[in-house]
Structures are given as structure tokens and as C-alpha cells.
Amino acid sequence: MKTRWIILSILGLMLIATGLCVFGEALIKKINKENYFWLGTLSLVIFNSGICIFGQSIIVKMKSKT
């Protein structure tokens, strides 16, 4: 259980950070008046996936305490 919690929490945090980095790239494209829609959409998908996986790690951690 502890291994699963560690893997999920690290993966979730990495996806959150990656989503924010991709969002920054989309923002730069928007400022430069380039096409940013798909990059921005990808950043939201990655960021929200990270939030979901990190939330799952919290659930796993709470279940392991009981």
C-alpha cells in the first residue's frame, strides 16, 4: 500500500508541474499571436489528470491508516 501511495503521489505531482509548464508554453504562443488552442487544451488535460491522480493517492493513504 505504501508503494502505491508513493508512486501515485509522485506521478500526480509530476503531471501537475508538467501541465503548468505546457500552459506556460501555450501562454507564450498566445502572446505571440500564434495558434495556442491545442497546446492549451493539452495543458488542461495533463494538469487535471495530475490533480485526479494526486487525489487518488490521498484516498489510498487514508485507507491505509485504517
C-alpha atoms as a PDB file:
ATOM      1  CA  MET A   1       0.000   0.000   0.000  1.00  0.00           C
ATOM      2  CA  LYS A   2       2.808   2.415   0.848  1.00  0.00           C
ATOM      3  CA  THR A   3       4.497   1.826  -2.501  1.00  0.00           C
ATOM      4  CA  ARG A   4       1.251   2.542  -4.370  1.00  0.00           C
ATOM      5  CA  TRP A   5       0.761   5.739  -2.388  1.00  0.00           C
ATOM      6  CA  ILE A   6       4.289   6.949  -3.129  1.00  0.00           C
ATOM      7  CA  ILE A   7       4.028   6.172  -6.850  1.00  0.00           C
ATOM      8  CA  LEU A   8       0.630   7.877  -7.194  1.00  0.00           C
ATOM      9  CA  SER A   9       1.645  10.968  -5.262  1.00  0.00           C
ATOM     10  CA  ILE A  10       4.890  11.461  -7.207  1.00  0.00           C
ATOM     11  CA  LEU A  11       3.187  10.814 -10.552  1.00  0.00           C
ATOM     12  CA  GLY A  12       0.391  13.246  -9.658  1.00  0.00           C
ATOM     13  CA  LEU A  13       2.816  15.998  -8.684  1.00  0.00           C
ATOM     14  CA  MET A  14       4.882  15.465 -11.833  1.00  0.00           C
ATOM     15  CA  LEU A  15       1.780  15.728 -14.027  1.00  0.00           C
ATOM     16  CA  ILE A  16       0.633  18.883 -12.252  1.00  0.00           C
ATOM     17  CA  ALA A  17       4.025  20.503 -12.831  1.00  0.00           C
ATOM     18  CA  THR A  18       4.123  19.339 -16.458  1.00  0.00           C
ATOM     19  CA  GLY A  19       0.642  20.717 -17.076  1.00  0.00           C
ATOM     20  CA  LEU A  20       1.687  24.096 -15.709  1.00  0.00           C
ATOM     21  CA  CYS A  21       4.803  24.114 -17.914  1.00  0.00           C
ATOM     22  CA  VAL A  22       2.769  23.291 -21.014  1.00  0.00           C
ATOM     23  CA  PHE A  23       0.305  26.025 -20.019  1.00  0.00           C
ATOM     24  CA  GLY A  24       3.197  28.479 -19.917  1.00  0.00           C
ATOM     25  CA  GLU A  25       4.158  27.486 -23.455  1.00  0.00           C
ATOM     26  CA  ALA A  26       0.558  27.972 -24.607  1.00  0.00           C
ATOM     27  CA  LEU A  27       0.520  31.382 -22.966  1.00  0.00           C
ATOM     28  CA  ILE A  28       3.697  32.376 -24.795  1.00  0.00           C
ATOM     29  CA  LYS A  29       2.117  31.270 -28.082  1.00  0.00           C
ATOM     30  CA  LYS A  30      -0.991  33.322 -27.296  1.00  0.00           C
ATOM     31  CA  ILE A  31       1.071  36.417 -26.560  1.00  0.00           C
ATOM     32  CA  ASN A  32       2.925  35.935 -29.865  1.00  0.00           C
ATOM     33  CA  LYS A  33      -0.449  35.629 -31.643  1.00  0.00           C
ATOM     34  CA  GLU A  34       0.216  32.031 -32.707  1.00  0.00           C
ATOM     35  CA  ASN A  35      -2.192  29.086 -32.591  1.00  0.00           C
ATOM     36  CA  TYR A  36      -2.362  28.042 -28.916  1.00  0.00           C
ATOM     37  CA  PHE A  37      -5.687  26.197 -28.651  1.00  0.00           C
ATOM     38  CA  TRP A  38      -4.443  22.588 -28.795  1.00  0.00           C
ATOM     39  CA  LEU A  39      -1.458  23.254 -26.563  1.00  0.00           C
ATOM     40  CA  GLY A  40      -3.698  24.964 -24.025  1.00  0.00           C
ATOM     41  CA  THR A  41      -6.171  22.086 -24.152  1.00  0.00           C
ATOM     42  CA  LEU A  42      -3.349  19.587 -23.662  1.00  0.00           C
ATOM     43  CA  SER A  43      -2.116  21.540 -20.657  1.00  0.00           C
ATOM     44  CA  LEU A  44      -5.551  21.371 -19.047  1.00  0.00           C
ATOM     45  CA  VAL A  45      -5.782  17.615 -19.662  1.00  0.00           C
ATOM     46  CA  ILE A  46      -2.341  17.000 -18.148  1.00  0.00           C
ATOM     47  CA  PHE A  47      -2.955  19.294 -15.172  1.00  0.00           C
ATOM     48  CA  ASN A  48      -6.366  17.825 -14.361  1.00  0.00           C
ATOM     49  CA  SER A  49      -5.012  14.286 -14.705  1.00  0.00           C
ATOM     50  CA  GLY A  50      -2.348  15.184 -12.168  1.00  0.00           C
ATOM     51  CA  ILE A  51      -4.964  16.526  -9.763  1.00  0.00           C
ATOM     52  CA  CYS A  52      -7.019  13.322 -10.106  1.00  0.00           C
ATOM     53  CA  ILE A  53      -4.026  11.031  -9.581  1.00  0.00           C
ATOM     54  CA  PHE A  54      -2.815  13.042  -6.602  1.00  0.00           C
ATOM     55  CA  GLY A  55      -6.326  12.906  -5.138  1.00  0.00           C
ATOM     56  CA  GLN A  56      -6.305   9.138  -5.589  1.00  0.00           C
ATOM     57  CA  SER A  57      -3.026   8.954  -3.682  1.00  0.00           C
ATOM     58  CA  ILE A  58      -4.673  10.781  -0.771  1.00  0.00           C
ATOM     59  CA  ILE A  59      -7.511   8.243  -0.812  1.00  0.00           C
ATOM     60  CA  VAL A  60      -5.011   5.359  -0.818  1.00  0.00           C
ATOM     61  CA  LYS A  61      -3.117   6.939   2.086  1.00  0.00           C
ATOM     62  CA  MET A  62      -6.285   7.425   4.156  1.00  0.00           C
ATOM     63  CA  LYS A  63      -7.421   3.833   3.554  1.00  0.00           C
ATOM     64  CA  SER A  64      -4.044   2.508   4.653  1.00  0.00           C
ATOM     65  CA  LYS A  65      -4.389   4.234   8.041  1.00  0.00           C
ATOM     66  CA  THR A  66      -7.478   2.212   8.990  1.00  0.00           C
END
